Amino acid sequence: MKRKLKLAYIIPGLFYPSGMERVLTAKVNYFVKKFDYEIHIFVTDGKGSEPYYPLDEKIKLHHLDINFDGIFSLSLLKRTLSYWKKQRLFKARLEEQLCLIKPDITVSLLRRDVNFINDLKDGSLKVGELHFNRLVYRQFTDKRFPGFMQRGISKLWQGQLIKNLRKLSAFVVLTNEDAGYWRELDNISVISNPLSFYPDKAALLNNKQVIAVGRMTYQKGFDLLISAWEMVAKKHPEWILKIYGGGIGRCICRW
């Protein structure tokens, strides 16, 4: 009998309704149903919460119980010390589990494990999969620090990131445009997000309305959309833009 391919994925959590979680869930469900792969998912946060998007019952979900989310209410000093302590615990628990499971490929969603994923001694190929644009990834933007310090820390982070990404067997981004932002790397592959559904008919454009849906966070660039729509509205004032979503900057805008 042919041995099943064994894949391990690392992501902070699956309890939140976000794009990264949805795409991962769609892919692993497909891999199980189509190819009968053995899938393991490791999460650090959200213990006791069910995955927001349904997982195939054959997929094994491992909770490492690190709880990074719990440090954000602490003071800066305590948060920093707690973070590094949790990072060491995260690495130790993850490596222990991977050495037991022995996956063929370990796929990191390139969050907190990006700093040590290549150091794990489980024998699997290490692949990084990035769901963010480089312009908003690993940037230090804490307003409590002066601008030159923010830029300096961001530059340091970017240097460390490039060093770690070079060591991966493959670094996956979502679009060719994204790939163009990583010219320092020669291990890039482009794999677009899957379509979980496809419309069976095209819009007639009778309503003259455009909607945008997503989290109201800086990374999503709704501020850029609003600026662009200002130009659209001048030429086509009868068209309406509606933005829906939750998050820090939650709002519904109308022109």
C-alpha atoms as a PDB file:
ATOM      1  CA  MET A   1       0.000   0.000   0.000  1.00  0.00           C
ATOM      2  CA  LYS A   2       1.258   3.471  -0.911  1.00  0.00           C
ATOM      3  CA  ARG A   3       2.131   5.564   2.131  1.00  0.00           C
ATOM      4  CA  LYS A   4       0.019   8.667   2.717  1.00  0.00           C
ATOM      5  CA  LEU A   5       1.677  12.036   2.363  1.00  0.00           C
ATOM      6  CA  LYS A   6       1.792  13.635   5.791  1.00  0.00           C
ATOM      7  CA  LEU A   7       1.428  17.430   6.090  1.00  0.00           C
ATOM      8  CA  ALA A   8       1.645  19.669   9.147  1.00  0.00           C
ATOM      9  CA  TYR A   9       0.407  23.269   9.248  1.00  0.00           C
ATOM     10  CA  ILE A  10       1.190  25.946  11.839  1.00  0.00           C
ATOM     11  CA  ILE A  11      -1.208  28.855  12.410  1.00  0.00           C
ATOM     12  CA  PRO A  12      -2.067  30.963  15.497  1.00  0.00           C
ATOM     13  CA  GLY A  13      -5.695  29.810  15.594  1.00  0.00           C
ATOM     14  CA  LEU A  14      -8.720  28.723  13.598  1.00  0.00           C
ATOM     15  CA  PHE A  15     -11.462  30.282  15.704  1.00  0.00           C
ATOM     16  CA  TYR A  16     -11.498  33.671  13.951  1.00  0.00           C
ATOM     17  CA  PRO A  17     -13.420  34.351  10.694  1.00  0.00           C
ATOM     18  CA  SER A  18     -10.502  35.642   8.642  1.00  0.00           C
ATOM     19  CA  GLY A  19      -9.105  34.999   5.188  1.00  0.00           C
ATOM     20  CA  MET A  20      -6.018  33.059   6.225  1.00  0.00           C
ATOM     21  CA  GLU A  21      -8.099  30.684   8.345  1.00  0.00           C
ATOM     22  CA  ARG A  22     -10.657  30.214   5.593  1.00  0.00           C
ATOM     23  CA  VAL A  23      -8.082  29.491   2.894  1.00  0.00           C
ATOM     24  CA  LEU A  24      -6.206  27.002   5.065  1.00  0.00           C
ATOM     25  CA  THR A  25      -9.417  25.203   5.985  1.00  0.00           C
ATOM     26  CA  ALA A  26     -10.520  25.000   2.347  1.00  0.00           C
ATOM     27  CA  LYS A  27      -7.160  23.582   1.257  1.00  0.00           C
ATOM     28  CA  VAL A  28      -6.757  20.942   3.932  1.00  0.00           C
ATOM     29  CA  ASN A  29     -10.349  19.758   3.515  1.00  0.00           C
ATOM     30  CA  TYR A  30      -9.651  19.377  -0.207  1.00  0.00           C
ATOM     31  CA  PHE A  31      -6.380  17.525   0.385  1.00  0.00           C
ATOM     32  CA  VAL A  32      -8.114  15.031   2.660  1.00  0.00           C
ATOM     33  CA  LYS A  33     -11.091  14.406   0.390  1.00  0.00           C
ATOM     34  CA  LYS A  34      -9.232  14.422  -2.930  1.00  0.00           C
ATOM     35  CA  PHE A  35      -5.885  12.822  -2.047  1.00  0.00           C
ATOM     36  CA  ASP A  36      -6.460  11.262   1.379  1.00  0.00           C
ATOM     37  CA  TYR A  37      -3.445  13.079   2.845  1.00  0.00           C
ATOM     38  CA  GLU A  38      -2.799  12.883   6.566  1.00  0.00           C
ATOM     39  CA  ILE A  39      -3.188  16.453   7.863  1.00  0.00           C
ATOM     40  CA  HIS A  40      -2.108  17.895  11.211  1.00  0.00           C
ATOM     41  CA  ILE A  41      -2.763  21.515  12.228  1.00  0.00           C
ATOM     42  CA  PHE A  42      -0.957  23.130  15.163  1.00  0.00           C
ATOM     43  CA  VAL A  43      -2.442  26.215  16.838  1.00  0.00           C
ATOM     44  CA  THR A  44      -1.227  28.349  19.742  1.00  0.00           C
ATOM     45  CA  ASP A  45      -4.333  30.318  20.726  1.00  0.00           C
ATOM     46  CA  GLY A  46      -8.075  29.975  21.196  1.00  0.00           C
ATOM     47  CA  LYS A  47      -8.099  26.866  23.364  1.00  0.00           C
ATOM     48  CA  GLY A  48     -11.661  25.709  23.962  1.00  0.00           C
ATOM     49  CA  SER A  49     -12.962  27.479  20.834  1.00  0.00           C
ATOM     50  CA  GLU A  50     -14.240  25.531  17.870  1.00  0.00           C
ATOM     51  CA  PRO A  51     -12.779  26.258  14.413  1.00  0.00           C
ATOM     52  CA  TYR A  52     -14.896  28.931  12.738  1.00  0.00           C
ATOM     53  CA  TYR A  53     -14.846  27.084   9.408  1.00  0.00           C
ATOM     54  CA  PRO A  54     -15.706  23.363   9.499  1.00  0.00           C
ATOM     55  CA  LEU A  55     -12.799  20.925   9.372  1.00  0.00           C
ATOM     56  CA  ASP A  56     -12.996  17.430   7.946  1.00  0.00           C
ATOM     57  CA  GLU A  57     -13.159  14.947  10.820  1.00  0.00           C
ATOM     58  CA  LYS A  58     -10.031  13.197   9.529  1.00  0.00           C
ATOM     59  CA  ILE A  59      -7.897  16.292  10.154  1.00  0.00           C
ATOM     60  CA  LYS A  60      -6.019  16.262  13.453  1.00  0.00           C
ATOM     61  CA  LEU A  61      -6.009  19.575  15.338  1.00  0.00           C
ATOM     62  CA  HIS A  62      -3.277  19.987  17.976  1.00  0.00           C
ATOM     63  CA  HIS A  63      -3.534  22.795  20.525  1.00  0.00           C
ATOM     64  CA  LEU A  64      -0.170  23.810  21.972  1.00  0.00           C
ATOM     65  CA  ASP A  65      -1.821  26.037  24.613  1.00  0.00           C
ATOM     66  CA  ILE A  66       0.598  28.988  24.396  1.00  0.00           C
ATOM     67  CA  ASN A  67      -1.947  31.844  24.495  1.00  0.00           C
ATOM     68  CA  PHE A  68      -0.016  34.726  22.957  1.00  0.00           C
ATOM     69  CA  ASP A  69      -3.255  36.732  22.961  1.00  0.00           C
ATOM     70  CA  GLY A  70      -3.097  36.879  26.755  1.00  0.00           C
ATOM     71  CA  ILE A  71      -0.009  39.116  26.830  1.00  0.00           C
ATOM     72  CA  PHE A  72      -1.490  42.192  25.158  1.00  0.00           C
ATOM     73  CA  SER A  73      -3.069  43.525  28.357  1.00  0.00           C
ATOM     74  CA  LEU A  74       0.351  43.618  30.080  1.00  0.00           C
ATOM     75  CA  SER A  75       2.737  46.556  30.326  1.00  0.00           C
ATOM     76  CA  LEU A  76       5.379  46.844  27.608  1.00  0.00           C
ATOM     77  CA  LEU A  77       8.146  45.338  29.754  1.00  0.00           C
ATOM     78  CA  LYS A  78       6.023  42.463  31.058  1.00  0.00           C
ATOM     79  CA  ARG A  79       4.633  41.840  27.586  1.00  0.00           C
ATOM     80  CA  THR A  80       8.130  41.620  26.112  1.00  0.00           C
ATOM     81  CA  LEU A  81       9.379  39.220  28.795  1.00  0.00           C
ATOM     82  CA  SER A  82       6.224  37.099  28.557  1.00  0.00           C
ATOM     83  CA  TYR A  83       6.487  36.996  24.770  1.00  0.00           C
ATOM     84  CA  TRP A  84      10.009  35.567  24.765  1.00  0.00           C
ATOM     85  CA  LYS A  85       9.085  33.026  27.422  1.00  0.00           C
ATOM     86  CA  LYS A  86       6.107  31.906  25.354  1.00  0.00           C
ATOM     87  CA  GLN A  87       8.238  31.774  22.218  1.00  0.00           C
ATOM     88  CA  ARG A  88      10.620  29.299  23.860  1.00  0.00           C
ATOM     89  CA  LEU A  89       7.677  27.224  25.066  1.00  0.00           C
ATOM     90  CA  PHE A  90       6.112  27.348  21.603  1.00  0.00           C
ATOM     91  CA  LYS A  91       9.280  26.083  19.939  1.00  0.00           C
ATOM     92  CA  ALA A  92       9.783  23.292  22.477  1.00  0.00           C
ATOM     93  CA  ARG A  93       6.205  22.000  22.299  1.00  0.00           C
ATOM     94  CA  LEU A  94       5.996  22.248  18.523  1.00  0.00           C
ATOM     95  CA  GLU A  95       9.300  20.458  17.964  1.00  0.00           C
ATOM     96  CA  GLU A  96       8.304  17.701  20.376  1.00  0.00           C
ATOM     97  CA  GLN A  97       5.038  17.083  18.515  1.00  0.00           C
ATOM     98  CA  LEU A  98       6.589  17.257  15.053  1.00  0.00           C
ATOM     99  CA  CYS A  99       9.270  14.752  16.053  1.00  0.00           C
ATOM    100  CA  LEU A 100       6.508  12.367  17.137  1.00  0.00           C
ATOM    101  CA  ILE A 101       4.389  12.831  14.007  1.00  0.00           C
ATOM    102  CA  LYS A 102       7.267  12.989  11.493  1.00  0.00           C
ATOM    103  CA  PRO A 103       5.487  14.946   8.733  1.00  0.00           C
ATOM    104  CA  ASP A 104       6.879  14.974   5.205  1.00  0.00           C
ATOM    105  CA  ILE A 105       6.253  18.708   4.865  1.00  0.00           C
ATOM    106  CA  THR A 106       5.660  21.346   7.533  1.00  0.00           C
ATOM    107  CA  VAL A 107       3.916  24.486   6.296  1.00  0.00           C
ATOM    108  CA  SER A 108       4.221  27.644   8.362  1.00  0.00           C
ATOM    109  CA  LEU A 109       1.755  30.494   7.893  1.00  0.00           C
ATOM    110  CA  LEU A 110       4.752  32.643   8.884  1.00  0.00           C
ATOM    111  CA  ARG A 111       3.588  34.190  12.076  1.00  0.00           C
ATOM    112  CA  ARG A 112       5.508  33.846  15.357  1.00  0.00           C
ATOM    113  CA  ASP A 113       7.173  30.583  14.338  1.00  0.00           C
ATOM    114  CA  VAL A 114       8.980  32.262  11.431  1.00  0.00           C
ATOM    115  CA  ASN A 115      11.919  32.933  13.766  1.00  0.00           C
ATOM    116  CA  PHE A 116      12.643  29.264  14.498  1.00  0.00           C
ATOM    117  CA  ILE A 117      10.836  27.083  11.952  1.00  0.00           C
ATOM    118  CA  ASN A 118      14.085  26.223  10.142  1.00  0.00           C
ATOM    119  CA  ASP A 119      15.750  25.113  13.384  1.00  0.00           C
ATOM    120  CA  LEU A 120      13.259  22.332  14.133  1.00  0.00           C
ATOM    121  CA  LYS A 121      14.888  18.897  13.897  1.00  0.00           C
ATOM    122  CA  ASP A 122      11.911  16.750  12.879  1.00  0.00           C
ATOM    123  CA  GLY A 123      13.266  16.023   9.402  1.00  0.00           C
ATOM    124  CA  SER A 124      10.434  17.553   7.366  1.00  0.00           C
ATOM    125  CA  LEU A 125      10.761  20.013   4.511  1.00  0.00           C
ATOM    126  CA  LYS A 126       9.881  23.512   5.713  1.00  0.00           C
ATOM    127  CA  VAL A 127       7.596  25.675   3.578  1.00  0.00           C
ATOM    128  CA  GLY A 128       6.461  29.210   4.364  1.00  0.00           C
ATOM    129  CA  GLU A 129       3.126  30.491   3.118  1.00  0.00           C
ATOM    130  CA  LEU A 130       2.506  34.249   3.348  1.00  0.00           C
ATOM    131  CA  HIS A 131      -1.001  35.728   3.211  1.00  0.00           C
ATOM    132  CA  PHE A 132       0.103  39.348   3.654  1.00  0.00           C
ATOM    133  CA  ASN A 133       1.588  41.957   1.366  1.00  0.00           C
ATOM    134  CA  ARG A 134       5.203  42.722   2.245  1.00  0.00           C
ATOM    135  CA  LEU A 135       4.449  46.425   2.705  1.00  0.00           C
ATOM    136  CA  VAL A 136       2.382  45.654   5.817  1.00  0.00           C
ATOM    137  CA  TYR A 137       4.232  42.569   7.071  1.00  0.00           C
ATOM    138  CA  ARG A 138       6.741  42.714   9.945  1.00  0.00           C
ATOM    139  CA  GLN A 139       6.571  46.502  10.261  1.00  0.00           C
ATOM    140  CA  PHE A 140       7.068  48.106  13.681  1.00  0.00           C
ATOM    141  CA  THR A 141       4.476  50.876  14.081  1.00  0.00           C
ATOM    142  CA  ASP A 142       4.227  51.464  17.832  1.00  0.00           C
ATOM    143  CA  LYS A 143       3.463  55.190  18.175  1.00  0.00           C
ATOM    144  CA  ARG A 144       5.021  55.260  21.643  1.00  0.00           C
ATOM    145  CA  PHE A 145       8.405  55.209  19.926  1.00  0.00           C
ATOM    146  CA  PRO A 146       9.859  58.013  17.775  1.00  0.00           C
ATOM    147  CA  GLY A 147       9.829  57.549  14.019  1.00  0.00           C
ATOM    148  CA  PHE A 148      13.539  56.816  13.645  1.00  0.00           C
ATOM    149  CA  MET A 149      13.252  53.981  16.202  1.00  0.00           C
ATOM    150  CA  GLN A 150      10.226  52.514  14.435  1.00  0.00           C
ATOM    151  CA  ARG A 151      12.102  52.570  11.113  1.00  0.00           C
ATOM    152  CA  GLY A 152      15.228  51.085  12.692  1.00  0.00           C
ATOM    153  CA  ILE A 153      13.352  48.220  14.346  1.00  0.00           C
ATOM    154  CA  SER A 154      11.405  47.546  11.134  1.00  0.00           C
ATOM    155  CA  LYS A 155      14.686  47.366   9.186  1.00  0.00           C
ATOM    156  CA  LEU A 156      16.121  44.944  11.753  1.00  0.00           C
ATOM    157  CA  TRP A 157      12.998  42.777  11.610  1.00  0.00           C
ATOM    158  CA  GLN A 158      13.080  42.733   7.803  1.00  0.00           C
ATOM    159  CA  GLY A 159      16.727  41.651   7.805  1.00  0.00           C
ATOM    160  CA  GLN A 160      15.997  38.786  10.191  1.00  0.00           C
ATOM    161  CA  LEU A 161      12.957  37.819   8.132  1.00  0.00           C
ATOM    162  CA  ILE A 162      14.868  37.607   4.850  1.00  0.00           C
ATOM    163  CA  LYS A 163      17.538  35.472   6.525  1.00  0.00           C
ATOM    164  CA  ASN A 164      14.880  33.023   7.759  1.00  0.00           C
ATOM    165  CA  LEU A 165      12.923  32.947   4.488  1.00  0.00           C
ATOM    166  CA  ARG A 166      16.056  32.069   2.499  1.00  0.00           C
ATOM    167  CA  LYS A 167      16.421  28.855   4.507  1.00  0.00           C
ATOM    168  CA  LEU A 168      12.953  27.557   3.591  1.00  0.00           C
ATOM    169  CA  SER A 169      12.543  24.819   0.998  1.00  0.00           C
ATOM    170  CA  ALA A 170       9.920  27.060  -0.590  1.00  0.00           C
ATOM    171  CA  PHE A 171       8.384  30.453   0.124  1.00  0.00           C
ATOM    172  CA  VAL A 172       4.821  30.764  -1.186  1.00  0.00           C
ATOM    173  CA  VAL A 173       3.046  34.046  -1.952  1.00  0.00           C
ATOM    174  CA  LEU A 174      -0.415  34.641  -3.390  1.00  0.00           C
ATOM    175  CA  THR A 175       0.228  36.695  -6.542  1.00  0.00           C
ATOM    176  CA  ASN A 176       2.947  37.570  -9.037  1.00  0.00           C
ATOM    177  CA  GLU A 177       2.763  41.133  -7.743  1.00  0.00           C
ATOM    178  CA  ASP A 178       3.529  39.870  -4.229  1.00  0.00           C
ATOM    179  CA  ALA A 179       6.484  37.889  -5.587  1.00  0.00           C
ATOM    180  CA  GLY A 180       7.913  41.087  -7.052  1.00  0.00           C
ATOM    181  CA  TYR A 181       8.315  42.558  -3.575  1.00  0.00           C
ATOM    182  CA  TRP A 182      10.712  39.755  -2.567  1.00  0.00           C
ATOM    183  CA  ARG A 183      13.497  40.091  -5.124  1.00  0.00           C
ATOM    184  CA  GLU A 184      16.141  39.091  -2.559  1.00  0.00           C
ATOM    185  CA  LEU A 185      14.771  35.534  -2.594  1.00  0.00           C
ATOM    186  CA  ASP A 186      15.120  32.777  -5.194  1.00  0.00           C
ATOM    187  CA  ASN A 187      12.876  30.171  -3.556  1.00  0.00           C
ATOM    188  CA  ILE A 188       9.535  31.866  -4.291  1.00  0.00           C
ATOM    189  CA  SER A 189       6.463  30.098  -5.663  1.00  0.00           C
ATOM    190  CA  VAL A 190       3.115  31.711  -6.452  1.00  0.00           C
ATOM    191  CA  ILE A 191      -0.029  29.818  -5.428  1.00  0.00           C
ATOM    192  CA  SER A 192      -3.236  31.830  -5.563  1.00  0.00           C
ATOM    193  CA  ASN A 193      -6.027  31.403  -3.062  1.00  0.00           C
ATOM    194  CA  PRO A 194      -8.622  28.805  -4.076  1.00  0.00           C
ATOM    195  CA  LEU A 195     -12.178  29.715  -5.024  1.00  0.00           C
ATOM    196  CA  SER A 196     -14.526  27.957  -2.630  1.00  0.00           C
ATOM    197  CA  PHE A 197     -17.492  28.947  -4.794  1.00  0.00           C
ATOM    198  CA  TYR A 198     -18.062  30.561  -8.174  1.00  0.00           C
ATOM    199  CA  PRO A 199     -21.063  32.635  -9.287  1.00  0.00           C
ATOM    200  CA  ASP A 200     -23.279  31.080 -11.921  1.00  0.00           C
ATOM    201  CA  LYS A 201     -24.229  34.436 -13.425  1.00  0.00           C
ATOM    202  CA  ALA A 202     -22.666  37.857 -13.937  1.00  0.00           C
ATOM    203  CA  ALA A 203     -23.961  41.062 -12.373  1.00  0.00           C
ATOM    204  CA  LEU A 204     -26.178  43.143 -14.662  1.00  0.00           C
ATOM    205  CA  LEU A 205     -24.750  46.374 -13.177  1.00  0.00           C
ATOM    206  CA  ASN A 206     -28.246  47.820 -12.818  1.00  0.00           C
ATOM    207  CA  ASN A 207     -27.877  48.745  -9.144  1.00  0.00           C
ATOM    208  CA  LYS A 208     -24.738  50.864  -9.634  1.00  0.00           C
ATOM    209  CA  GLN A 209     -23.394  49.686  -6.317  1.00  0.00           C
ATOM    210  CA  VAL A 210     -19.996  48.300  -5.293  1.00  0.00           C
ATOM    211  CA  ILE A 211     -19.387  46.495  -1.997  1.00  0.00           C
ATOM    212  CA  ALA A 212     -16.126  45.694  -0.214  1.00  0.00           C
ATOM    213  CA  VAL A 213     -16.048  43.212   2.663  1.00  0.00           C
ATOM    214  CA  GLY A 214     -13.221  42.644   5.128  1.00  0.00           C
ATOM    215  CA  ARG A 215     -11.654  43.428   8.488  1.00  0.00           C
ATOM    216  CA  MET A 216     -11.324  47.137   9.205  1.00  0.00           C
ATOM    217  CA  THR A 217      -7.581  47.057   9.780  1.00  0.00           C
ATOM    218  CA  TYR A 218      -4.636  48.947   8.342  1.00  0.00           C
ATOM    219  CA  GLN A 219      -3.404  45.926   6.392  1.00  0.00           C
ATOM    220  CA  LYS A 220      -6.553  45.729   4.275  1.00  0.00           C
ATOM    221  CA  GLY A 221      -6.053  49.196   2.780  1.00  0.00           C
ATOM    222  CA  PHE A 222      -9.612  50.473   3.012  1.00  0.00           C
ATOM    223  CA  ASP A 223      -8.132  53.970   3.357  1.00  0.00           C
ATOM    224  CA  LEU A 224      -6.657  53.543  -0.125  1.00  0.00           C
ATOM    225  CA  LEU A 225      -9.993  52.314  -1.454  1.00  0.00           C
ATOM    226  CA  ILE A 226     -11.766  55.360  -0.047  1.00  0.00           C
ATOM    227  CA  SER A 227      -9.213  57.700  -1.638  1.00  0.00           C
ATOM    228  CA  ALA A 228      -9.597  55.927  -4.981  1.00  0.00           C
ATOM    229  CA  TRP A 229     -13.377  56.042  -4.768  1.00  0.00           C
ATOM    230  CA  GLU A 230     -13.231  59.805  -4.340  1.00  0.00           C
ATOM    231  CA  MET A 231     -11.997  59.983  -7.939  1.00  0.00           C
ATOM    232  CA  VAL A 232     -14.656  57.519  -9.111  1.00  0.00           C
ATOM    233  CA  ALA A 233     -17.417  59.503  -7.414  1.00  0.00           C
ATOM    234  CA  LYS A 234     -16.489  62.685  -9.276  1.00  0.00           C
ATOM    235  CA  LYS A 235     -16.947  61.001 -12.651  1.00  0.00           C
ATOM    236  CA  HIS A 236     -19.794  58.660 -11.697  1.00  0.00           C
ATOM    237  CA  PRO A 237     -21.719  60.232  -8.787  1.00  0.00           C
ATOM    238  CA  GLU A 238     -24.620  57.827  -9.249  1.00  0.00           C
ATOM    239  CA  TRP A 239     -22.477  54.872  -8.142  1.00  0.00           C
ATOM    240  CA  ILE A 240     -22.368  53.872  -4.458  1.00  0.00           C
ATOM    241  CA  LEU A 241     -19.571  52.202  -2.481  1.00  0.00           C
ATOM    242  CA  LYS A 242     -20.474  50.267   0.662  1.00  0.00           C
ATOM    243  CA  ILE A 243     -17.851  48.826   2.998  1.00  0.00           C
ATOM    244  CA  TYR A 244     -18.779  46.084   5.464  1.00  0.00           C
ATOM    245  CA  GLY A 245     -16.707  44.482   8.186  1.00  0.00           C
ATOM    246  CA  GLY A 246     -15.567  44.467  11.783  1.00  0.00           C
ATOM    247  CA  GLY A 247     -12.378  45.477  13.511  1.00  0.00           C
ATOM    248  CA  ILE A 248     -10.683  48.487  15.034  1.00  0.00           C
ATOM    249  CA  GLY A 249     -11.773  50.857  12.288  1.00  0.00           C
ATOM    250  CA  ARG A 250     -15.275  49.480  11.816  1.00  0.00           C
ATOM    251  CA  CYS A 251     -17.501  51.694   9.727  1.00  0.00           C
ATOM    252  CA  ILE A 252     -19.897  51.712   6.801  1.00  0.00           C
ATOM    253  CA  CYS A 253     -19.086  54.391   4.253  1.00  0.00           C
ATOM    254  CA  ARG A 254     -21.377  55.679   1.564  1.00  0.00           C
ATOM    255  CA  TRP A 255     -20.867  57.970  -1.398  1.00  0.00           C
END
